[in-house]
PDB file of N, CA and C in Angstrom:
ATOM      1  N   MET A   1       3.833  53.716  21.299  1.00  0.00           N
ATOM      2  CA  MET A   1       4.661  53.184  20.249  1.00  0.00           C
ATOM      3  C   MET A   1       4.477  51.681  20.080  1.00  0.00           C
ATOM      4  N   GLU A   2       4.395  50.990  21.214  1.00  0.00           N
ATOM      5  CA  GLU A   2       4.254  49.556  21.147  1.00  0.00           C
ATOM      6  C   GLU A   2       2.932  49.152  20.497  1.00  0.00           C
ATOM      7  N   GLY A   3       1.877  49.947  20.691  1.00  0.00           N
ATOM      8  CA  GLY A   3       0.586  49.674  20.079  1.00  0.00           C
ATOM      9  C   GLY A   3       0.646  49.737  18.565  1.00  0.00           C
ATOM     10  N   ILE A   4       1.432  50.647  18.036  1.00  0.00           N
ATOM     11  CA  ILE A   4       1.575  50.775  16.584  1.00  0.00           C
ATOM     12  C   ILE A   4       2.298  49.566  16.021  1.00  0.00           C
ATOM     13  N   SER A   5       3.343  49.113  16.663  1.00  0.00           N
ATOM     14  CA  SER A   5       4.077  47.966  16.145  1.00  0.00           C
ATOM     15  C   SER A   5       3.215  46.703  16.208  1.00  0.00           C
ATOM     16  N   THR A   6       2.385  46.555  17.222  1.00  0.00           N
ATOM     17  CA  THR A   6       1.469  45.421  17.296  1.00  0.00           C
ATOM     18  C   THR A   6       0.440  45.494  16.178  1.00  0.00           C
ATOM     19  N   LYS A   7      -0.070  46.691  15.896  1.00  0.00           N
ATOM     20  CA  LYS A   7      -1.031  46.856  14.798  1.00  0.00           C
ATOM     21  C   LYS A   7      -0.381  46.512  13.467  1.00  0.00           C
ATOM     22  N   LYS A   8       0.851  46.951  13.266  1.00  0.00           N
ATOM     23  CA  LYS A   8       1.554  46.644  12.013  1.00  0.00           C
ATOM     24  C   LYS A   8       1.772  45.141  11.880  1.00  0.00           C
ATOM     25  N   MET A   9       2.157  44.510  12.989  1.00  0.00           N
ATOM     26  CA  MET A   9       2.385  43.081  12.957  1.00  0.00           C
ATOM     27  C   MET A   9       1.089  42.331  12.643  1.00  0.00           C
ATOM     28  N   MET A  10      -0.005  42.757  13.208  1.00  0.00           N
ATOM     29  CA  MET A  10      -1.298  42.125  12.937  1.00  0.00           C
ATOM     30  C   MET A  10      -1.705  42.319  11.481  1.00  0.00           C
ATOM     31  N   LEU A  11      -1.433  43.504  10.931  1.00  0.00           N
ATOM     32  CA  LEU A  11      -1.744  43.776   9.534  1.00  0.00           C
ATOM     33  C   LEU A  11      -0.914  42.887   8.617  1.00  0.00           C
ATOM     34  N   VAL A  12       0.378  42.767   8.908  1.00  0.00           N
ATOM     35  CA  VAL A  12       1.255  41.908   8.109  1.00  0.00           C
ATOM     36  C   VAL A  12       0.783  40.461   8.197  1.00  0.00           C
ATOM     37  N   LEU A  13       0.438  40.013   9.383  1.00  0.00           N
ATOM     38  CA  LEU A  13      -0.061  38.655   9.564  1.00  0.00           C
ATOM     39  C   LEU A  13      -1.350  38.430   8.779  1.00  0.00           C
ATOM     40  N   ALA A  14      -2.256  39.387   8.815  1.00  0.00           N
ATOM     41  CA  ALA A  14      -3.515  39.272   8.072  1.00  0.00           C
ATOM     42  C   ALA A  14      -3.261  39.193   6.572  1.00  0.00           C
ATOM     43  N   VAL A  15      -2.342  40.004   6.069  1.00  0.00           N
ATOM     44  CA  VAL A  15      -2.006  39.976   4.642  1.00  0.00           C
ATOM     45  C   VAL A  15      -1.404  38.625   4.273  1.00  0.00           C
ATOM     46  N   MET A  16      -0.520  38.095   5.115  1.00  0.00           N
ATOM     47  CA  MET A  16       0.093  36.791   4.834  1.00  0.00           C
ATOM     48  C   MET A  16      -0.956  35.685   4.803  1.00  0.00           C
ATOM     49  N   VAL A  17      -1.894  35.730   5.722  1.00  0.00           N
ATOM     50  CA  VAL A  17      -2.965  34.727   5.739  1.00  0.00           C
ATOM     51  C   VAL A  17      -3.789  34.813   4.458  1.00  0.00           C
ATOM     52  N   LEU A  18      -4.129  36.022   4.043  1.00  0.00           N
ATOM     53  CA  LEU A  18      -4.899  36.191   2.807  1.00  0.00           C
ATOM     54  C   LEU A  18      -4.133  35.678   1.596  1.00  0.00           C
ATOM     55  N   ILE A  19      -2.840  35.934   1.550  1.00  0.00           N
ATOM     56  CA  ILE A  19      -2.024  35.438   0.436  1.00  0.00           C
ATOM     57  C   ILE A  19      -2.013  33.917   0.434  1.00  0.00           C
ATOM     58  N   CYS A  20      -1.812  33.309   1.589  1.00  0.00           N
ATOM     59  CA  CYS A  20      -1.808  31.846   1.676  1.00  0.00           C
ATOM     60  C   CYS A  20      -3.146  31.255   1.249  1.00  0.00           C
ATOM     61  N   LEU A  21      -4.215  31.873   1.667  1.00  0.00           N
ATOM     62  CA  LEU A  21      -5.540  31.383   1.287  1.00  0.00           C
ATOM     63  C   LEU A  21      -5.792  31.531  -0.203  1.00  0.00           C
ATOM     64  N   SER A  22      -5.241  32.560  -0.807  1.00  0.00           N
ATOM     65  CA  SER A  22      -5.475  32.768  -2.237  1.00  0.00           C
ATOM     66  C   SER A  22      -4.634  31.842  -3.092  1.00  0.00           C
ATOM     67  N   ILE A  23      -3.514  31.348  -2.590  1.00  0.00           N
ATOM     68  CA  ILE A  23      -2.653  30.461  -3.371  1.00  0.00           C
ATOM     69  C   ILE A  23      -3.288  29.087  -3.519  1.00  0.00           C
ATOM     70  N   THR A  24      -3.762  28.497  -2.460  1.00  0.00           N
ATOM     71  CA  THR A  24      -4.303  27.148  -2.505  1.00  0.00           C
ATOM     72  C   THR A  24      -5.503  27.018  -3.438  1.00  0.00           C
ATOM     73  N   PRO A  25      -6.514  27.875  -3.351  1.00  0.00           N
ATOM     74  CA  PRO A  25      -7.635  27.725  -4.273  1.00  0.00           C
ATOM     75  C   PRO A  25      -7.238  27.887  -5.733  1.00  0.00           C
ATOM     76  N   SER A  26      -6.280  28.759  -6.039  1.00  0.00           N
ATOM     77  CA  SER A  26      -5.922  28.936  -7.440  1.00  0.00           C
ATOM     78  C   SER A  26      -5.280  27.675  -7.989  1.00  0.00           C
ATOM     79  N   SER A  27      -4.478  26.972  -7.182  1.00  0.00           N
ATOM     80  CA  SER A  27      -3.895  25.712  -7.628  1.00  0.00           C
ATOM     81  C   SER A  27      -4.992  24.680  -7.856  1.00  0.00           C
ATOM     82  N   ALA A  28      -5.932  24.624  -6.932  1.00  0.00           N
ATOM     83  CA  ALA A  28      -7.039  23.686  -7.078  1.00  0.00           C
ATOM     84  C   ALA A  28      -7.892  24.029  -8.287  1.00  0.00           C
ATOM     85  N   GLN A  29      -8.119  25.324  -8.510  1.00  0.00           N
ATOM     86  CA  GLN A  29      -8.913  25.735  -9.665  1.00  0.00           C
ATOM     87  C   GLN A  29      -8.216  25.354 -10.958  1.00  0.00           C
ATOM     88  N   THR A  30      -6.887  25.520 -11.013  1.00  0.00           N
ATOM     89  CA  THR A  30      -6.140  25.155 -12.214  1.00  0.00           C
ATOM     90  C   THR A  30      -6.279  23.669 -12.486  1.00  0.00           C
ATOM     91  N   CYS A  31      -6.133  22.860 -11.457  1.00  0.00           N
ATOM     92  CA  CYS A  31      -6.272  21.415 -11.620  1.00  0.00           C
ATOM     93  C   CYS A  31      -7.685  21.063 -12.057  1.00  0.00           C
ATOM     94  N   THR A  32      -8.672  21.684 -11.455  1.00  0.00           N
ATOM     95  CA  THR A  32     -10.061  21.418 -11.823  1.00  0.00           C
ATOM     96  C   THR A  32     -10.331  21.788 -13.271  1.00  0.00           C
ATOM     97  N   MET A  33      -9.849  22.951 -13.696  1.00  0.00           N
ATOM     98  CA  MET A  33     -10.062  23.372 -15.087  1.00  0.00           C
ATOM     99  C   MET A  33      -9.339  22.438 -16.048  1.00  0.00           C
ATOM    100  N   THR A  34      -8.116  22.044 -15.713  1.00  0.00           N
ATOM    101  CA  THR A  34      -7.339  21.152 -16.565  1.00  0.00           C
ATOM    102  C   THR A  34      -8.034  19.814 -16.715  1.00  0.00           C
ATOM    103  N   THR A  35      -8.437  19.231 -15.594  1.00  0.00           N
ATOM    104  CA  THR A  35      -9.064  17.921 -15.665  1.00  0.00           C
ATOM    105  C   THR A  35     -10.447  17.992 -16.289  1.00  0.00           C
ATOM    106  N   GLN A  36     -11.154  19.091 -16.102  1.00  0.00           N
ATOM    107  CA  GLN A  36     -12.469  19.224 -16.738  1.00  0.00           C
ATOM    108  C   GLN A  36     -12.320  19.242 -18.254  1.00  0.00           C
ATOM    109  N   ASN A  37     -11.336  19.985 -18.758  1.00  0.00           N
ATOM    110  CA  ASN A  37     -11.102  20.028 -20.201  1.00  0.00           C
ATOM    111  C   ASN A  37     -10.753  18.646 -20.727  1.00  0.00           C
ATOM    112  N   LEU A  38      -9.867  17.948 -20.043  1.00  0.00           N
ATOM    113  CA  LEU A  38      -9.503  16.601 -20.475  1.00  0.00           C
ATOM    114  C   LEU A  38     -10.687  15.657 -20.368  1.00  0.00           C
ATOM    115  N   ASN A  39     -11.421  15.747 -19.287  1.00  0.00           N
ATOM    116  CA  ASN A  39     -12.572  14.877 -19.092  1.00  0.00           C
ATOM    117  C   ASN A  39     -13.601  15.094 -20.193  1.00  0.00           C
ATOM    118  N   ASP A  40     -13.880  16.346 -20.510  1.00  0.00           N
ATOM    119  CA  ASP A  40     -14.855  16.657 -21.557  1.00  0.00           C
ATOM    120  C   ASP A  40     -14.374  16.200 -22.927  1.00  0.00           C
ATOM    121  N   ASP A  41     -13.080  16.382 -23.206  1.00  0.00           N
ATOM    122  CA  ASP A  41     -12.555  16.129 -24.540  1.00  0.00           C
ATOM    123  C   ASP A  41     -12.084  14.700 -24.770  1.00  0.00           C
ATOM    124  N   CYS A  42     -11.570  14.048 -23.743  1.00  0.00           N
ATOM    125  CA  CYS A  42     -10.814  12.826 -23.993  1.00  0.00           C
ATOM    126  C   CYS A  42     -11.287  11.570 -23.264  1.00  0.00           C
ATOM    127  N   MET A  43     -11.954  11.686 -22.154  1.00  0.00           N
ATOM    128  CA  MET A  43     -12.240  10.493 -21.369  1.00  0.00           C
ATOM    129  C   MET A  43     -13.305   9.598 -21.994  1.00  0.00           C
ATOM    130  N   GLY A  44     -14.159  10.140 -22.831  1.00  0.00           N
ATOM    131  CA  GLY A  44     -15.217   9.330 -23.410  1.00  0.00           C
ATOM    132  C   GLY A  44     -14.969   8.899 -24.844  1.00  0.00           C
ATOM    133  N   VAL A  45     -13.731   9.000 -25.307  1.00  0.00           N
ATOM    134  CA  VAL A  45     -13.457   8.662 -26.704  1.00  0.00           C
ATOM    135  C   VAL A  45     -13.678   7.180 -26.938  1.00  0.00           C
ATOM    136  N   GLU A  46     -14.110   6.860 -28.135  1.00  0.00           N
ATOM    137  CA  GLU A  46     -14.413   5.476 -28.483  1.00  0.00           C
ATOM    138  C   GLU A  46     -13.433   4.894 -29.490  1.00  0.00           C
ATOM    139  N   THR A  47     -12.811   5.725 -30.289  1.00  0.00           N
ATOM    140  CA  THR A  47     -11.914   5.209 -31.323  1.00  0.00           C
ATOM    141  C   THR A  47     -10.500   5.711 -31.095  1.00  0.00           C
ATOM    142  N   GLU A  48      -9.542   4.993 -31.662  1.00  0.00           N
ATOM    143  CA  GLU A  48      -8.146   5.408 -31.534  1.00  0.00           C
ATOM    144  C   GLU A  48      -7.904   6.728 -32.253  1.00  0.00           C
ATOM    145  N   ALA A  49      -8.624   6.966 -33.350  1.00  0.00           N
ATOM    146  CA  ALA A  49      -8.473   8.238 -34.071  1.00  0.00           C
ATOM    147  C   ALA A  49      -8.891   9.411 -33.183  1.00  0.00           C
ATOM    148  N   GLN A  50      -9.988   9.254 -32.440  1.00  0.00           N
ATOM    149  CA  GLN A  50     -10.415  10.305 -31.515  1.00  0.00           C
ATOM    150  C   GLN A  50      -9.373  10.503 -30.418  1.00  0.00           C
ATOM    151  N   LEU A  51      -8.822   9.405 -29.931  1.00  0.00           N
ATOM    152  CA  LEU A  51      -7.835   9.490 -28.865  1.00  0.00           C
ATOM    153  C   LEU A  51      -6.571  10.193 -29.336  1.00  0.00           C
ATOM    154  N   GLN A  52      -6.161   9.947 -30.560  1.00  0.00           N
ATOM    155  CA  GLN A  52      -4.942  10.582 -31.066  1.00  0.00           C
ATOM    156  C   GLN A  52      -5.041  12.101 -30.999  1.00  0.00           C
ATOM    157  N   ARG A  53      -6.240  12.632 -31.206  1.00  0.00           N
ATOM    158  CA  ARG A  53      -6.419  14.086 -31.105  1.00  0.00           C
ATOM    159  C   ARG A  53      -6.210  14.572 -29.670  1.00  0.00           C
ATOM    160  N   CYS A  54      -6.398  13.696 -28.709  1.00  0.00           N
ATOM    161  CA  CYS A  54      -6.239  14.065 -27.299  1.00  0.00           C
ATOM    162  C   CYS A  54      -4.824  13.829 -26.777  1.00  0.00           C
ATOM    163  N   CYS A  55      -4.030  13.052 -27.484  1.00  0.00           N
ATOM    164  CA  CYS A  55      -2.717  12.670 -26.957  1.00  0.00           C
ATOM    165  C   CYS A  55      -1.816  13.866 -26.674  1.00  0.00           C
ATOM    166  N   ASP A  56      -1.822  14.858 -27.550  1.00  0.00           N
ATOM    167  CA  ASP A  56      -0.991  16.036 -27.291  1.00  0.00           C
ATOM    168  C   ASP A  56      -1.396  16.702 -25.982  1.00  0.00           C
ATOM    169  N   GLU A  57      -2.694  16.824 -25.763  1.00  0.00           N
ATOM    170  CA  GLU A  57      -3.194  17.450 -24.538  1.00  0.00           C
ATOM    171  C   GLU A  57      -2.866  16.591 -23.314  1.00  0.00           C
ATOM    172  N   ILE A  58      -3.039  15.284 -23.447  1.00  0.00           N
ATOM    173  CA  ILE A  58      -2.733  14.374 -22.342  1.00  0.00           C
ATOM    174  C   ILE A  58      -1.253  14.465 -21.980  1.00  0.00           C
ATOM    175  N   ASN A  59      -0.378  14.443 -22.990  1.00  0.00           N
ATOM    176  CA  ASN A  59       1.060  14.526 -22.722  1.00  0.00           C
ATOM    177  C   ASN A  59       1.449  15.872 -22.129  1.00  0.00           C
ATOM    178  N   LEU A  60       0.807  16.934 -22.576  1.00  0.00           N
ATOM    179  CA  LEU A  60       1.087  18.263 -22.033  1.00  0.00           C
ATOM    180  C   LEU A  60       0.715  18.332 -20.551  1.00  0.00           C
ATOM    181  N   VAL A  61      -0.456  17.813 -20.219  1.00  0.00           N
ATOM    182  CA  VAL A  61      -0.881  17.812 -18.817  1.00  0.00           C
ATOM    183  C   VAL A  61       0.033  16.899 -17.999  1.00  0.00           C
ATOM    184  N   LEU A  62       0.425  15.770 -18.568  1.00  0.00           N
ATOM    185  CA  LEU A  62       1.330  14.866 -17.862  1.00  0.00           C
ATOM    186  C   LEU A  62       2.646  15.568 -17.538  1.00  0.00           C
ATOM    187  N   ASP A  63       3.153  16.342 -18.479  1.00  0.00           N
ATOM    188  CA  ASP A  63       4.409  17.073 -18.257  1.00  0.00           C
ATOM    189  C   ASP A  63       4.248  18.217 -17.261  1.00  0.00           C
ATOM    190  N   ASN A  64       3.115  18.909 -17.311  1.00  0.00           N
ATOM    191  CA  ASN A  64       2.939  20.123 -16.505  1.00  0.00           C
ATOM    192  C   ASN A  64       2.226  19.909 -15.179  1.00  0.00           C
ATOM    193  N   ASP A  65       1.344  18.926 -15.116  1.00  0.00           N
ATOM    194  CA  ASP A  65       0.575  18.713 -13.889  1.00  0.00           C
ATOM    195  C   ASP A  65       0.186  17.243 -13.785  1.00  0.00           C
ATOM    196  N   ARG A  66       1.203  16.414 -13.622  1.00  0.00           N
ATOM    197  CA  ARG A  66       1.041  14.958 -13.608  1.00  0.00           C
ATOM    198  C   ARG A  66      -0.007  14.509 -12.588  1.00  0.00           C
ATOM    199  N   LEU A  67       0.028  15.087 -11.400  1.00  0.00           N
ATOM    200  CA  LEU A  67      -0.906  14.667 -10.358  1.00  0.00           C
ATOM    201  C   LEU A  67      -2.353  14.873 -10.788  1.00  0.00           C
ATOM    202  N   CYS A  68      -2.643  15.990 -11.438  1.00  0.00           N
ATOM    203  CA  CYS A  68      -4.014  16.242 -11.903  1.00  0.00           C
ATOM    204  C   CYS A  68      -4.462  15.166 -12.887  1.00  0.00           C
ATOM    205  N   LEU A  69      -3.594  14.836 -13.845  1.00  0.00           N
ATOM    206  CA  LEU A  69      -3.944  13.807 -14.825  1.00  0.00           C
ATOM    207  C   LEU A  69      -4.161  12.468 -14.130  1.00  0.00           C
ATOM    208  N   CYS A  70      -3.257  12.117 -13.237  1.00  0.00           N
ATOM    209  CA  CYS A  70      -3.366  10.833 -12.547  1.00  0.00           C
ATOM    210  C   CYS A  70      -4.638  10.747 -11.712  1.00  0.00           C
ATOM    211  N   LEU A  71      -4.959  11.822 -11.017  1.00  0.00           N
ATOM    212  CA  LEU A  71      -6.187  11.832 -10.215  1.00  0.00           C
ATOM    213  C   LEU A  71      -7.433  11.743 -11.088  1.00  0.00           C
ATOM    214  N   LEU A  72      -7.402  12.400 -12.244  1.00  0.00           N
ATOM    215  CA  LEU A  72      -8.539  12.306 -13.161  1.00  0.00           C
ATOM    216  C   LEU A  72      -8.710  10.873 -13.647  1.00  0.00           C
ATOM    217  N   LEU A  73      -7.629  10.254 -14.093  1.00  0.00           N
ATOM    218  CA  LEU A  73      -7.712   8.877 -14.582  1.00  0.00           C
ATOM    219  C   LEU A  73      -8.201   7.940 -13.484  1.00  0.00           C
ATOM    220  N   PHE A  74      -7.716   8.139 -12.275  1.00  0.00           N
ATOM    221  CA  PHE A  74      -8.159   7.300 -11.159  1.00  0.00           C
ATOM    222  C   PHE A  74      -9.634   7.537 -10.850  1.00  0.00           C
ATOM    223  N   SER A  75     -10.081   8.793 -10.903  1.00  0.00           N
ATOM    224  CA  SER A  75     -11.485   9.078 -10.583  1.00  0.00           C
ATOM    225  C   SER A  75     -12.434   8.524 -11.637  1.00  0.00           C
ATOM    226  N   VAL A  76     -11.987   8.487 -12.894  1.00  0.00           N
ATOM    227  CA  VAL A  76     -12.845   7.985 -13.967  1.00  0.00           C
ATOM    228  C   VAL A  76     -12.819   6.458 -14.041  1.00  0.00           C
ATOM    229  N   TYR A  77     -11.636   5.861 -13.893  1.00  0.00           N
ATOM    230  CA  TYR A  77     -11.491   4.424 -14.121  1.00  0.00           C
ATOM    231  C   TYR A  77     -11.196   3.612 -12.864  1.00  0.00           C
ATOM    232  N   GLY A  78     -11.013   4.249 -11.723  1.00  0.00           N
ATOM    233  CA  GLY A  78     -10.591   3.560 -10.510  1.00  0.00           C
ATOM    234  C   GLY A  78     -11.533   2.494 -10.004  1.00  0.00           C
ATOM    235  N   ASP A  79     -12.804   2.559 -10.378  1.00  0.00           N
ATOM    236  CA  ASP A  79     -13.744   1.547  -9.899  1.00  0.00           C
ATOM    237  C   ASP A  79     -13.802   0.327 -10.814  1.00  0.00           C
ATOM    238  N   HIS A  80     -13.074   0.345 -11.924  1.00  0.00           N
ATOM    239  CA  HIS A  80     -13.025  -0.815 -12.816  1.00  0.00           C
ATOM    240  C   HIS A  80     -12.083  -1.852 -12.205  1.00  0.00           C
ATOM    241  N   ALA A  81     -12.372  -3.122 -12.431  1.00  0.00           N
ATOM    242  CA  ALA A  81     -11.619  -4.204 -11.796  1.00  0.00           C
ATOM    243  C   ALA A  81     -10.120  -4.114 -12.076  1.00  0.00           C
ATOM    244  N   ASP A  82      -9.741  -3.906 -13.315  1.00  0.00           N
ATOM    245  CA  ASP A  82      -8.323  -3.866 -13.683  1.00  0.00           C
ATOM    246  C   ASP A  82      -8.005  -2.510 -14.300  1.00  0.00           C
ATOM    247  N   PHE A  83      -8.326  -1.441 -13.571  1.00  0.00           N
ATOM    248  CA  PHE A  83      -8.246  -0.102 -14.152  1.00  0.00           C
ATOM    249  C   PHE A  83      -6.833   0.293 -14.542  1.00  0.00           C
ATOM    250  N   LYS A  84      -5.819  -0.184 -13.828  1.00  0.00           N
ATOM    251  CA  LYS A  84      -4.445   0.215 -14.150  1.00  0.00           C
ATOM    252  C   LYS A  84      -4.064  -0.260 -15.547  1.00  0.00           C
ATOM    253  N   ALA A  85      -4.381  -1.501 -15.869  1.00  0.00           N
ATOM    254  CA  ALA A  85      -4.101  -2.020 -17.210  1.00  0.00           C
ATOM    255  C   ALA A  85      -4.976  -1.317 -18.243  1.00  0.00           C
ATOM    256  N   GLU A  86      -6.209  -1.015 -17.870  1.00  0.00           N
ATOM    257  CA  GLU A  86      -7.122  -0.323 -18.783  1.00  0.00           C
ATOM    258  C   GLU A  86      -6.594   1.065 -19.143  1.00  0.00           C
ATOM    259  N   VAL A  87      -6.082   1.794 -18.158  1.00  0.00           N
ATOM    260  CA  VAL A  87      -5.535   3.132 -18.414  1.00  0.00           C
ATOM    261  C   VAL A  87      -4.322   3.037 -19.327  1.00  0.00           C
ATOM    262  N   VAL A  88      -3.458   2.048 -19.081  1.00  0.00           N
ATOM    263  CA  VAL A  88      -2.273   1.868 -19.929  1.00  0.00           C
ATOM    264  C   VAL A  88      -2.703   1.554 -21.354  1.00  0.00           C
ATOM    265  N   ASP A  89      -3.627   0.606 -21.525  1.00  0.00           N
ATOM    266  CA  ASP A  89      -4.086   0.222 -22.867  1.00  0.00           C
ATOM    267  C   ASP A  89      -4.838   1.345 -23.564  1.00  0.00           C
ATOM    268  N   ARG A  90      -5.652   2.059 -22.815  1.00  0.00           N
ATOM    269  CA  ARG A  90      -6.533   3.063 -23.416  1.00  0.00           C
ATOM    270  C   ARG A  90      -5.842   4.400 -23.673  1.00  0.00           C
ATOM    271  N   PHE A  91      -4.891   4.790 -22.810  1.00  0.00           N
ATOM    272  CA  PHE A  91      -4.277   6.116 -22.928  1.00  0.00           C
ATOM    273  C   PHE A  91      -2.761   6.082 -23.067  1.00  0.00           C
ATOM    274  N   PHE A  92      -2.081   5.386 -22.167  1.00  0.00           N
ATOM    275  CA  PHE A  92      -0.628   5.484 -22.151  1.00  0.00           C
ATOM    276  C   PHE A  92      -0.009   4.944 -23.439  1.00  0.00           C
ATOM    277  N   THR A  93      -0.347   3.732 -23.826  1.00  0.00           N
ATOM    278  CA  THR A  93       0.261   3.127 -25.013  1.00  0.00           C
ATOM    279  C   THR A  93      -0.047   3.918 -26.281  1.00  0.00           C
ATOM    280  N   PRO A  94      -1.306   4.237 -26.591  1.00  0.00           N
ATOM    281  CA  PRO A  94      -1.578   5.004 -27.817  1.00  0.00           C
ATOM    282  C   PRO A  94      -0.937   6.395 -27.821  1.00  0.00           C
ATOM    283  N   CYS A  95      -0.740   6.976 -26.642  1.00  0.00           N
ATOM    284  CA  CYS A  95      -0.170   8.330 -26.556  1.00  0.00           C
ATOM    285  C   CYS A  95       1.340   8.319 -26.359  1.00  0.00           C
ATOM    286  N   GLY A  96       1.948   7.141 -26.427  1.00  0.00           N
ATOM    287  CA  GLY A  96       3.399   7.052 -26.324  1.00  0.00           C
ATOM    288  C   GLY A  96       3.942   7.292 -24.925  1.00  0.00           C
ATOM    289  N   ILE A  97       3.136   7.033 -23.912  1.00  0.00           N
ATOM    290  CA  ILE A  97       3.570   7.209 -22.523  1.00  0.00           C
ATOM    291  C   ILE A  97       4.077   5.857 -22.033  1.00  0.00           C
ATOM    292  N   ALA A  98       5.366   5.802 -21.717  1.00  0.00           N
ATOM    293  CA  ALA A  98       5.973   4.543 -21.289  1.00  0.00           C
ATOM    294  C   ALA A  98       5.749   4.327 -19.800  1.00  0.00           C
ATOM    295  N   GLY A  99       5.494   3.093 -19.439  1.00  0.00           N
ATOM    296  CA  GLY A  99       5.385   2.745 -18.029  1.00  0.00           C
ATOM    297  C   GLY A  99       4.010   2.241 -17.656  1.00  0.00           C
ATOM    298  N   THR A 100       3.917   1.793 -16.416  1.00  0.00           N
ATOM    299  CA  THR A 100       2.654   1.318 -15.867  1.00  0.00           C
ATOM    300  C   THR A 100       1.959   2.479 -15.166  1.00  0.00           C
ATOM    301  N   PHE A 101       0.731   2.260 -14.751  1.00  0.00           N
ATOM    302  CA  PHE A 101       0.034   3.303 -13.998  1.00  0.00           C
ATOM    303  C   PHE A 101       0.818   3.643 -12.735  1.00  0.00           C
ATOM    304  N   ASP A 102       1.348   2.621 -12.067  1.00  0.00           N
ATOM    305  CA  ASP A 102       2.070   2.860 -10.814  1.00  0.00           C
ATOM    306  C   ASP A 102       3.380   3.611 -11.017  1.00  0.00           C
ATOM    307  N   THR A 103       4.052   3.424 -12.158  1.00  0.00           N
ATOM    308  CA  THR A 103       5.304   4.157 -12.380  1.00  0.00           C
ATOM    309  C   THR A 103       5.042   5.571 -12.875  1.00  0.00           C
ATOM    310  N   VAL A 104       3.981   5.759 -13.646  1.00  0.00           N
ATOM    311  CA  VAL A 104       3.647   7.096 -14.146  1.00  0.00           C
ATOM    312  C   VAL A 104       2.960   7.916 -13.057  1.00  0.00           C
ATOM    313  N   CYS A 105       2.135   7.266 -12.265  1.00  0.00           N
ATOM    314  CA  CYS A 105       1.345   7.940 -11.224  1.00  0.00           C
ATOM    315  C   CYS A 105       1.614   7.308  -9.856  1.00  0.00           C
ATOM    316  N   PRO A 106       2.848   7.371  -9.364  1.00  0.00           N
ATOM    317  CA  PRO A 106       3.137   6.692  -8.096  1.00  0.00           C
ATOM    318  C   PRO A 106       2.336   7.268  -6.934  1.00  0.00           C
ATOM    319  N   GLY A 107       1.776   6.353  -6.142  1.00  0.00           N
ATOM    320  CA  GLY A 107       1.069   6.770  -4.939  1.00  0.00           C
ATOM    321  C   GLY A 107      -0.347   7.268  -5.142  1.00  0.00           C
ATOM    322  N   VAL A 108      -0.828   7.305  -6.383  1.00  0.00           N
ATOM    323  CA  VAL A 108      -2.177   7.825  -6.631  1.00  0.00           C
ATOM    324  C   VAL A 108      -3.236   6.785  -6.298  1.00  0.00           C
ATOM    325  N   ALA A 109      -2.975   5.537  -6.636  1.00  0.00           N
ATOM    326  CA  ALA A 109      -3.965   4.486  -6.410  1.00  0.00           C
ATOM    327  C   ALA A 109      -3.367   3.413  -5.513  1.00  0.00           C
ATOM    328  N   PRO A 110      -4.152   2.887  -4.612  1.00  0.00           N
ATOM    329  CA  PRO A 110      -3.630   1.824  -3.752  1.00  0.00           C
ATOM    330  C   PRO A 110      -3.386   0.556  -4.551  1.00  0.00           C
ATOM    331  N   SER A 111      -2.355  -0.160  -4.179  1.00  0.00           N
ATOM    332  CA  SER A 111      -2.090  -1.449  -4.807  1.00  0.00           C
ATOM    333  C   SER A 111      -3.032  -2.471  -4.202  1.00  0.00           C
ATOM    334  N   PRO A 112      -3.431  -3.455  -5.001  1.00  0.00           N
ATOM    335  CA  PRO A 112      -4.327  -4.473  -4.449  1.00  0.00           C
ATOM    336  C   PRO A 112      -3.618  -5.248  -3.339  1.00  0.00           C
ATOM    337  N   THR A 113      -4.369  -5.638  -2.343  1.00  0.00           N
ATOM    338  CA  THR A 113      -3.793  -6.426  -1.255  1.00  0.00           C
ATOM    339  C   THR A 113      -4.172  -7.877  -1.459  1.00  0.00           C
ATOM    340  N   GLU A 114      -3.280  -8.743  -1.023  1.00  0.00           N
ATOM    341  CA  GLU A 114      -3.557 -10.172  -1.138  1.00  0.00           C
ATOM    342  C   GLU A 114      -4.313 -10.631   0.095  1.00  0.00           C
ATOM    343  N   ASP A 115      -5.246 -11.547  -0.103  1.00  0.00           N
ATOM    344  CA  ASP A 115      -5.962 -12.128   1.026  1.00  0.00           C
ATOM    345  C   ASP A 115      -5.048 -13.132   1.713  1.00  0.00           C
ATOM    346  N   PRO A 116      -5.013 -13.146   3.044  1.00  0.00           N
ATOM    347  CA  PRO A 116      -4.126 -14.097   3.749  1.00  0.00           C
ATOM    348  C   PRO A 116      -4.596 -15.515   3.624  1.00  0.00           C
TER     349      PRO A 116
END
């Protein structure tokens, strides 16, 4: 009898592990698909008219998956000297998003450190 209960417990544990493993990749896949669509459609725009077509999508992603949007913006513009101001000027202001990069995307990008 004890062998059966151990087998059942192992089966339940295996199912739980599989469920946990399947949850994490699907979240990552959703973020990847979301940011890929935004990256393809909106990150390379040159005119404000082109950007306006992306604002609805940007705001939707901001409402539904803020971290994905913030990580995408950081990955695309993070190596620019003043990327936080650039993101605000290029995306937040034209799309009606109030705030700075740090208030909209807290903790996504490190703050500059002062030299002693």
